[in-house]
Amino acid sequence: MDLLEKLTILTDAAKYDAACTSSGVRRGYQDGKIGSTSDMGCCHSFSADGRCITLLKVLLSNDCCYNCKYCVNRCTNDTPRASFTPEELAELTIGFFRRNYIEGLFLSSAVLHSPDYSVELMIRALSILRNEYRFNGYIHAKAIPGTSPELIERLGLLADRLSVNIELPSEAGLKALAPNKTKQGILRPMTQIRDRNIENRRELVQYRHAPKFAPAGQSTQLIIGATPDNDLHILNLTQSLYDRYRLKRVFYSAYVPVVENTLLPSLDTKPPLLREHRLYQADWLLRFYGFRAHELLDESAPDFDPLLDPKCCWAMRHPEFFPVEVNHADYEALLRVPGIGVVSARRILVARRAGSLRTEDLKKLGVVMKRAQYFLTCSGRLATPLRLSQSGILSSLMAVERNALPAPQLEQLSLFDQVG
């Protein structure tokens, strides 16, 4: 099999890994090396089917010895198999970089023989890139659960970001669909990466030229829709991962039916893209808006409303919090208002130092008035002259949401309307 055939197979096999992540690390020009990273990072991927390009997103191998029932690369599935040698992968990556096709590498792998064996091959490929080709660009590497601590350490010294996929939201789901993986096997390397990052920050304070260990932190990925876990369980898990393991991102991947199994949704089932979209919106609220998981969902409402975004849902359930006076509210209160984001909240704080803000000023500051108008006052006056009932506000917000959704999610929203 030639290199192009391997590339076609292994980039296609990597398309289920979420790679849209900024690096969050700055490493500028260094004498004798090529490439660099910046704060904006790399946030796209390159594959044989023509998707966006800045990261080469590829598997080292799709020849897996595990039998995860949801995975297209499971050992019992009849699919073309291919593996790069470390030398081939390093040469391919540096060749793409020199042609200005990519800015960095997103490297994952199936479990070839064992986790340690697979990660050793990844380390060898990255070592060639860093040491022989002097590549200084962004590298995101997937650490395989069950890998020994010594290999995680070596991988972290070569990569900018590490990720350990938690895959399924519950231990019961892992036992049923991924019998070769365990909860402890996943959480152990996450704990090591967290602790090593903390230790490395201390080293860098004392020794400026100490080697950096995964300076862009770690992330993980969850498959949504393959198991019956509700959104409340997933969001509580997400909150716990951020609190305990200091993750930079949790990625949600709507399950795409690729194999037939009685424990999985049928092949005719469409990926739950709208549910994935709501989880990403909620994730944003956890990371940047000061919300906690228990505020967004509870046992009485364990799943997100497909017709309305999570922030608007929270606002409709807490009328006692509103209206918010934009000329006096603090930053945290402004962030709770639908239609006000992190940037517009900061702009409001700066702008009101020069004088009282009027309703017409808010749109100029980036406030989405179609959402915010029902929850704000300006100098005691409501932002909208319309005094709608709770149901009227809800209908208006749903109409705004419908116009804002991308086409795939909008199609699924129409299905919910038909069911309703």
Protein backbone atom coordinates (compact mmCIF):
# COMPACT_ATOMS: atom_id res chain seq x y z
CA MET A 1 0.00 0.00 0.00
CA ASP A 2 1.47 3.36 -1.02
CA LEU A 3 1.54 6.49 1.14
CA LEU A 4 -1.43 8.16 -0.56
CA GLU A 5 -3.65 5.11 0.02
CA LYS A 6 -2.65 5.06 3.69
CA LEU A 7 -3.36 8.78 3.97
CA THR A 8 -6.82 8.36 2.43
CA ILE A 9 -7.76 5.55 4.83
CA LEU A 10 -6.27 7.05 7.99
CA THR A 11 -7.58 10.61 7.54
CA ASP A 12 -11.04 9.24 6.87
CA ALA A 13 -10.80 7.05 9.99
CA ALA A 14 -9.83 10.14 12.04
CA LYS A 15 -12.91 12.18 11.11
CA TYR A 16 -14.79 11.07 14.23
CA ASP A 17 -12.22 12.75 16.50
CA ALA A 18 -13.17 16.32 17.41
CA ALA A 19 -10.19 18.53 16.58
CA CYS A 20 -11.61 22.05 16.47
CA THR A 21 -9.56 23.38 19.36
CA SER A 22 -7.27 26.35 19.73
CA SER A 23 -3.81 25.62 21.03
CA GLY A 24 -3.78 28.23 23.79
CA VAL A 25 0.00 28.25 23.73
CA ARG A 26 2.55 30.69 22.36
CA ARG A 27 5.83 29.42 20.97
CA GLY A 28 7.40 31.84 18.54
CA TYR A 29 10.34 31.65 16.20
CA GLN A 30 13.37 29.76 17.48
CA ASP A 31 16.69 29.79 15.71
CA GLY A 32 17.28 26.59 13.75
CA LYS A 33 13.65 25.43 13.95
CA ILE A 34 10.68 25.76 11.60
CA GLY A 35 7.08 26.61 12.47
CA SER A 36 5.51 28.30 15.47
CA THR A 37 2.32 28.46 17.48
CA SER A 38 0.32 31.50 18.56
CA ASP A 39 -2.46 32.25 21.04
CA MET A 40 -5.11 31.81 18.35
CA GLY A 41 -3.77 28.31 17.68
CA CYS A 42 -4.91 25.88 15.03
CA CYS A 43 -8.59 25.17 14.78
CA HIS A 44 -9.22 23.31 11.54
CA SER A 45 -8.29 19.96 10.08
CA PHE A 46 -7.20 18.44 6.78
CA SER A 47 -8.48 15.18 5.37
CA ALA A 48 -8.89 13.36 2.08
CA ASP A 49 -12.56 14.35 1.70
CA GLY A 50 -11.78 18.06 1.43
CA ARG A 51 -12.60 19.37 4.89
CA CYS A 52 -10.96 22.55 6.24
CA ILE A 53 -7.24 22.65 6.55
CA THR A 54 -4.67 23.80 9.02
CA LEU A 55 -4.18 20.67 11.11
CA LEU A 56 -3.33 17.36 9.56
CA LYS A 57 -5.78 15.16 11.46
CA VAL A 58 -4.76 11.55 11.06
CA LEU A 59 -4.49 8.19 12.80
CA LEU A 60 -1.15 6.48 13.11
CA SER A 61 -3.04 3.23 12.59
CA ASN A 62 -6.64 2.03 12.34
CA ASP A 63 -5.68 -1.60 12.97
CA CYS A 64 -7.28 -1.98 16.41
CA CYS A 65 -7.16 -4.93 18.79
CA TYR A 66 -10.13 -3.58 20.80
CA ASN A 67 -13.75 -4.39 20.03
CA CYS A 68 -15.65 -1.22 21.01
CA LYS A 69 -19.11 -1.77 19.57
CA TYR A 70 -19.63 1.86 18.46
CA CYS A 71 -16.31 2.19 16.64
CA VAL A 72 -15.80 1.80 12.90
CA ASN A 73 -12.23 0.59 13.58
CA ARG A 74 -13.17 -2.22 15.98
CA CYS A 75 -11.30 -5.47 15.36
CA THR A 76 -14.41 -7.39 14.22
CA ASN A 77 -15.47 -4.78 11.65
CA ASP A 78 -14.66 -5.42 7.99
CA THR A 79 -12.82 -2.23 6.99
CA PRO A 80 -9.55 -1.53 5.13
CA ARG A 81 -6.61 -1.44 7.53
CA ALA A 82 -3.50 0.70 7.29
CA SER A 83 -0.66 1.90 9.51
CA PHE A 84 2.02 4.54 9.09
CA THR A 85 5.54 3.91 10.23
CA PRO A 86 6.82 6.74 12.46
CA GLU A 87 9.18 7.79 9.68
CA GLU A 88 6.36 7.94 7.12
CA LEU A 89 4.13 10.02 9.37
CA ALA A 90 6.90 12.48 10.23
CA GLU A 91 7.92 12.87 6.59
CA LEU A 92 4.31 13.35 5.52
CA THR A 93 3.66 15.99 8.18
CA ILE A 94 6.77 18.03 7.45
CA GLY A 95 6.10 17.77 3.71
CA PHE A 96 2.58 19.16 4.18
CA PHE A 97 3.92 21.92 6.38
CA ARG A 98 6.58 22.98 3.87
CA ARG A 99 3.90 23.18 1.17
CA ASN A 100 1.87 25.44 3.47
CA TYR A 101 -1.00 22.92 3.64
CA ILE A 102 -1.00 22.74 7.45
CA GLU A 103 0.17 24.51 10.58
CA GLY A 104 0.23 21.55 12.90
CA LEU A 105 -0.66 17.93 13.59
CA PHE A 106 -3.58 16.22 15.34
CA LEU A 107 -2.39 12.67 15.97
CA SER A 108 -4.44 9.77 17.29
CA SER A 109 -4.32 6.03 16.82
CA ALA A 110 -6.25 2.84 17.20
CA VAL A 111 -4.85 0.39 19.75
CA LEU A 112 -2.26 -1.48 17.71
CA HIS A 113 -1.31 -4.59 19.75
CA SER A 114 -1.44 -2.67 23.06
CA PRO A 115 -1.76 0.93 24.36
CA ASP A 116 1.95 1.08 25.19
CA TYR A 117 3.02 -0.18 21.77
CA SER A 118 0.78 2.34 19.99
CA VAL A 119 1.96 5.28 22.09
CA GLU A 120 5.61 4.27 21.62
CA LEU A 121 5.09 4.57 17.85
CA MET A 122 3.46 7.97 18.32
CA ILE A 123 6.37 9.11 20.49
CA ARG A 124 8.84 7.95 17.85
CA ALA A 125 7.00 9.89 15.12
CA LEU A 126 6.83 13.06 17.21
CA SER A 127 10.48 12.71 18.23
CA ILE A 128 11.50 12.63 14.57
CA LEU A 129 9.40 15.73 13.91
CA ARG A 130 10.72 17.68 16.89
CA ASN A 131 14.36 16.57 16.92
CA GLU A 132 15.29 15.62 13.36
CA TYR A 133 13.05 17.98 11.36
CA ARG A 134 13.17 20.65 14.10
CA PHE A 135 9.40 21.13 13.80
CA ASN A 136 8.22 23.82 16.23
CA GLY A 137 4.53 23.91 15.28
CA TYR A 138 1.42 22.83 17.14
CA ILE A 139 0.89 19.14 17.97
CA HIS A 140 -2.19 17.66 19.62
CA ALA A 141 -1.71 14.02 20.62
CA LYS A 142 -4.31 11.54 21.85
CA ALA A 143 -3.07 9.54 24.80
CA ILE A 144 -4.57 6.04 24.79
CA PRO A 145 -6.23 4.92 28.06
CA GLY A 146 -4.15 2.26 29.76
CA THR A 147 -0.80 3.70 28.65
CA SER A 148 1.99 3.51 31.24
CA PRO A 149 2.88 6.76 33.10
CA GLU A 150 6.41 6.80 31.68
CA LEU A 151 5.11 6.97 28.12
CA ILE A 152 2.52 9.66 29.00
CA GLU A 153 5.40 11.72 30.37
CA ARG A 154 7.42 11.38 27.17
CA LEU A 155 4.38 12.12 25.00
CA GLY A 156 3.57 15.26 27.00
CA LEU A 157 7.07 16.64 26.51
CA LEU A 158 6.63 16.39 22.72
CA ALA A 159 3.02 17.57 22.31
CA ASP A 160 1.40 20.93 22.99
CA ARG A 161 -1.91 19.42 24.05
CA LEU A 162 -2.85 15.93 25.23
CA SER A 163 -6.29 14.40 25.30
CA VAL A 164 -7.64 11.19 26.78
CA ASN A 165 -11.05 10.31 25.35
CA ILE A 166 -13.56 9.38 28.04
CA GLU A 167 -15.74 8.13 25.15
CA LEU A 168 -18.98 7.28 26.99
CA PRO A 169 -20.68 9.21 29.81
CA SER A 170 -21.10 6.30 32.24
CA GLU A 171 -19.16 3.30 33.52
CA ALA A 172 -22.12 1.07 32.64
CA GLY A 173 -21.90 2.30 29.03
CA LEU A 174 -18.20 1.48 28.92
CA LYS A 175 -18.78 -2.05 30.20
CA ALA A 176 -21.53 -2.67 27.65
CA LEU A 177 -19.99 -1.05 24.55
CA ALA A 178 -16.24 -0.85 25.22
CA PRO A 179 -15.32 -3.89 27.36
CA ASN A 180 -11.58 -3.39 26.81
CA LYS A 181 -11.68 0.06 28.45
CA THR A 182 -12.17 0.89 32.12
CA LYS A 183 -13.05 4.04 34.03
CA GLN A 184 -9.79 3.90 35.98
CA GLY A 185 -7.77 3.32 32.81
CA ILE A 186 -9.17 6.59 31.45
CA LEU A 187 -8.99 8.70 34.60
CA ARG A 188 -5.47 7.65 35.62
CA PRO A 189 -3.68 9.38 32.69
CA MET A 190 -6.00 12.39 33.10
CA THR A 191 -4.87 12.69 36.71
CA GLN A 192 -1.22 12.32 35.70
CA ILE A 193 -1.50 15.04 33.05
CA ARG A 194 -3.22 17.39 35.53
CA ASP A 195 -0.61 16.85 38.26
CA ARG A 196 2.31 17.04 35.85
CA ASN A 197 1.00 20.32 34.42
CA ILE A 198 0.84 21.85 37.90
CA GLU A 199 4.35 20.61 38.68
CA ASN A 200 5.64 21.89 35.34
CA ARG A 201 4.34 25.41 36.01
CA ARG A 202 6.34 25.47 39.23
CA GLU A 203 9.44 24.24 37.39
CA LEU A 204 9.09 26.99 34.78
CA VAL A 205 8.91 29.65 37.49
CA GLN A 206 12.17 28.40 39.00
CA TYR A 207 13.91 27.35 35.77
CA ARG A 208 12.90 29.42 32.75
CA HIS A 209 14.27 26.93 30.22
CA ALA A 210 12.80 23.79 31.77
CA PRO A 211 11.08 21.54 29.19
CA LYS A 212 7.35 22.20 28.89
CA PHE A 213 4.85 19.44 29.51
CA ALA A 214 1.68 19.76 27.37
CA PRO A 215 1.60 23.56 27.79
CA ALA A 216 -1.86 23.81 26.15
CA GLY A 217 -3.35 21.46 28.75
CA GLN A 218 -5.66 18.53 28.12
CA SER A 219 -9.11 17.88 26.67
CA THR A 220 -11.46 14.94 26.22
CA GLN A 221 -14.33 13.77 24.03
CA LEU A 222 -17.76 12.28 24.79
CA ILE A 223 -19.98 10.36 22.40
CA ILE A 224 -23.57 11.58 22.64
CA GLY A 225 -26.52 9.38 21.77
CA ALA A 226 -24.90 5.93 21.79
CA THR A 227 -26.14 5.25 25.34
CA PRO A 228 -29.35 6.27 27.16
CA ASP A 229 -27.57 8.72 29.50
CA ASN A 230 -29.53 11.98 29.85
CA ASP A 231 -28.19 15.52 29.51
CA LEU A 232 -28.15 16.04 33.28
CA HIS A 233 -25.77 13.11 33.74
CA ILE A 234 -23.54 14.36 30.91
CA LEU A 235 -23.47 17.94 32.21
CA ASN A 236 -22.66 16.83 35.77
CA LEU A 237 -19.83 14.72 34.37
CA THR A 238 -18.58 17.71 32.38
CA GLN A 239 -18.65 19.95 35.46
CA SER A 240 -16.73 17.32 37.42
CA LEU A 241 -14.09 16.98 34.69
CA TYR A 242 -13.51 20.74 34.62
CA ASP A 243 -13.32 20.97 38.40
CA ARG A 244 -11.19 17.91 39.11
CA TYR A 245 -8.94 17.57 36.08
CA ARG A 246 -8.64 21.20 34.88
CA LEU A 247 -9.59 20.29 31.33
CA LYS A 248 -9.44 23.00 28.69
CA ARG A 249 -12.32 21.56 26.69
CA VAL A 250 -14.84 18.76 26.73
CA PHE A 251 -15.91 17.89 23.19
CA TYR A 252 -19.27 16.33 22.42
CA SER A 253 -19.59 14.09 19.39
CA ALA A 254 -23.07 13.17 18.18
CA TYR A 255 -23.05 9.42 17.63
CA VAL A 256 -22.98 8.53 13.93
CA PRO A 257 -24.35 4.99 13.40
CA VAL A 258 -21.62 3.18 11.47
CA VAL A 259 -22.05 -0.42 12.67
CA GLU A 260 -25.08 -2.59 13.37
CA ASN A 261 -25.52 -3.75 16.97
CA THR A 262 -28.53 -4.42 19.17
CA LEU A 263 -27.06 -2.20 21.93
CA LEU A 264 -26.71 0.79 19.59
CA PRO A 265 -29.16 3.01 17.67
CA SER A 266 -30.05 1.56 14.26
CA LEU A 267 -28.18 2.58 11.14
CA ASP A 268 -31.23 4.59 10.03
CA THR A 269 -31.00 6.83 13.09
CA LYS A 270 -29.75 10.34 12.40
CA PRO A 271 -26.95 11.78 14.58
CA PRO A 272 -28.41 13.89 17.43
CA LEU A 273 -26.86 17.13 16.16
CA LEU A 274 -29.33 19.40 17.93
CA ARG A 275 -28.60 17.71 21.25
CA GLU A 276 -24.87 18.10 20.63
CA HIS A 277 -25.48 21.79 19.86
CA ARG A 278 -27.35 22.32 23.16
CA LEU A 279 -24.57 20.61 25.13
CA TYR A 280 -21.97 22.87 23.55
CA GLN A 281 -24.08 25.91 24.46
CA ALA A 282 -24.35 24.67 28.05
CA ASP A 283 -20.63 23.90 28.14
CA TRP A 284 -19.94 27.51 27.17
CA LEU A 285 -22.13 28.67 30.08
CA LEU A 286 -20.12 26.51 32.49
CA ARG A 287 -16.75 27.74 31.30
CA PHE A 288 -17.32 31.45 30.71
CA TYR A 289 -20.64 32.57 32.22
CA GLY A 290 -20.40 31.36 35.80
CA PHE A 291 -23.22 28.81 35.58
CA ARG A 292 -23.13 25.47 37.36
CA ALA A 293 -24.60 22.23 36.05
CA HIS A 294 -27.32 22.07 38.73
CA GLU A 295 -28.62 25.49 37.65
CA LEU A 296 -29.24 24.42 34.06
CA LEU A 297 -30.78 20.98 34.60
CA ASP A 298 -32.28 18.97 37.45
CA GLU A 299 -34.16 15.73 38.03
CA SER A 300 -37.46 17.34 37.04
CA ALA A 301 -35.96 18.51 33.71
CA PRO A 302 -33.03 16.15 32.95
CA ASP A 303 -32.72 17.04 29.24
CA PHE A 304 -32.31 20.33 27.38
CA ASP A 305 -35.27 21.83 25.58
CA PRO A 306 -34.72 21.32 21.83
CA LEU A 307 -36.76 24.44 21.09
CA LEU A 308 -34.79 26.91 23.21
CA ASP A 309 -31.15 27.46 24.13
CA PRO A 310 -30.05 26.68 27.75
CA LYS A 311 -29.48 30.30 28.78
CA CYS A 312 -32.96 31.38 27.68
CA CYS A 313 -34.43 28.34 29.42
CA TRP A 314 -32.74 29.37 32.68
CA ALA A 315 -33.99 32.95 32.29
CA MET A 316 -37.57 31.80 31.72
CA ARG A 317 -37.43 29.62 34.86
CA HIS A 318 -36.09 32.49 37.02
CA PRO A 319 -38.31 35.54 36.40
CA GLU A 320 -37.42 36.81 39.89
CA PHE A 321 -33.89 37.61 38.66
CA PHE A 322 -35.13 40.01 35.99
CA PRO A 323 -35.22 42.70 34.74
CA VAL A 324 -31.53 43.56 35.07
CA GLU A 325 -30.60 47.24 35.11
CA VAL A 326 -27.70 47.60 32.68
CA ASN A 327 -26.44 50.84 34.25
CA HIS A 328 -25.92 49.31 37.70
CA ALA A 329 -25.70 45.50 37.39
CA ASP A 330 -22.38 43.82 38.02
CA TYR A 331 -20.53 41.70 35.46
CA GLU A 332 -21.89 38.39 36.75
CA ALA A 333 -25.50 39.61 36.59
CA LEU A 334 -25.06 40.94 33.04
CA LEU A 335 -23.76 37.54 31.91
CA ARG A 336 -27.03 35.95 33.04
CA VAL A 337 -29.04 38.02 30.56
CA PRO A 338 -29.89 36.23 27.27
CA GLY A 339 -28.32 38.12 24.39
CA ILE A 340 -25.39 39.46 26.43
CA GLY A 341 -22.09 37.66 26.00
CA VAL A 342 -18.67 37.99 27.60
CA VAL A 343 -17.51 40.68 25.15
CA SER A 344 -20.68 42.77 25.24
CA ALA A 345 -20.83 42.59 29.07
CA ARG A 346 -17.30 43.98 29.29
CA ARG A 347 -18.17 46.70 26.79
CA ILE A 348 -21.18 47.70 28.90
CA LEU A 349 -18.99 48.04 32.00
CA VAL A 350 -16.57 50.31 30.13
CA ALA A 351 -19.19 52.35 28.25
CA ARG A 352 -21.33 53.21 31.25
CA ARG A 353 -18.39 54.96 32.94
CA ALA A 354 -18.94 57.81 30.48
CA GLY A 355 -22.67 58.11 31.24
CA SER A 356 -25.95 56.25 31.42
CA LEU A 357 -26.61 53.80 28.61
CA ARG A 358 -29.77 53.99 26.53
CA THR A 359 -31.55 51.14 24.77
CA GLU A 360 -30.22 52.22 21.37
CA ASP A 361 -26.63 52.08 22.72
CA LEU A 362 -26.83 48.40 23.61
CA LYS A 363 -27.00 47.09 20.06
CA LYS A 364 -23.86 49.07 19.21
CA LEU A 365 -22.11 47.31 22.09
CA GLY A 366 -22.92 43.88 20.65
CA VAL A 367 -26.02 42.99 22.68
CA VAL A 368 -28.47 40.77 20.78
CA MET A 369 -31.58 42.80 21.49
CA LYS A 370 -33.95 40.22 19.99
CA ARG A 371 -33.18 38.10 23.05
CA ALA A 372 -32.15 40.69 25.65
CA GLN A 373 -35.04 43.17 25.25
CA TYR A 374 -37.35 41.17 27.56
CA PHE A 375 -34.85 41.01 30.42
CA LEU A 376 -33.30 44.50 30.61
CA THR A 377 -34.04 47.97 31.86
CA CYS A 378 -32.13 51.13 30.97
CA SER A 379 -32.37 53.77 33.74
CA GLY A 380 -35.49 52.04 34.99
CA ARG A 381 -37.17 51.79 31.59
CA LEU A 382 -37.85 48.47 29.92
CA ALA A 383 -35.81 47.87 26.79
CA THR A 384 -39.02 47.08 24.88
CA PRO A 385 -42.34 48.92 25.10
CA LEU A 386 -44.15 45.59 24.60
CA ARG A 387 -45.38 43.98 27.81
CA LEU A 388 -45.68 40.36 26.76
CA SER A 389 -46.85 37.51 28.92
CA GLN A 390 -44.52 34.68 29.85
CA SER A 391 -45.91 32.59 27.00
CA GLY A 392 -45.54 35.52 24.58
CA ILE A 393 -41.87 35.98 25.49
CA LEU A 394 -41.31 32.24 25.12
CA SER A 395 -42.86 32.20 21.63
CA SER A 396 -40.75 35.18 20.57
CA LEU A 397 -37.51 33.59 21.85
CA MET A 398 -38.31 30.33 20.07
CA ALA A 399 -38.77 32.22 16.81
CA VAL A 400 -35.37 33.90 17.30
CA GLU A 401 -33.78 30.53 18.05
CA ARG A 402 -35.25 28.97 14.93
CA ASN A 403 -33.70 31.69 12.76
CA ALA A 404 -30.31 31.29 14.44
CA LEU A 405 -29.89 27.50 14.08
CA PRO A 406 -27.72 26.02 11.30
CA ALA A 407 -29.50 23.88 8.68
CA PRO A 408 -28.77 20.38 10.15
CA GLN A 409 -30.02 21.37 13.62
CA LEU A 410 -32.97 23.24 12.10
CA GLU A 411 -34.00 20.05 10.30
CA GLN A 412 -34.06 18.14 13.59
CA LEU A 413 -35.95 20.99 15.25
CA SER A 414 -38.65 20.62 12.60
CA LEU A 415 -38.94 16.94 13.50
CA PHE A 416 -39.52 17.91 17.15
CA ASP A 417 -42.25 20.31 16.03
CA GLN A 418 -43.96 17.54 14.08
CA VAL A 419 -43.84 15.19 17.08
CA GLY A 420 -45.21 17.95 19.33
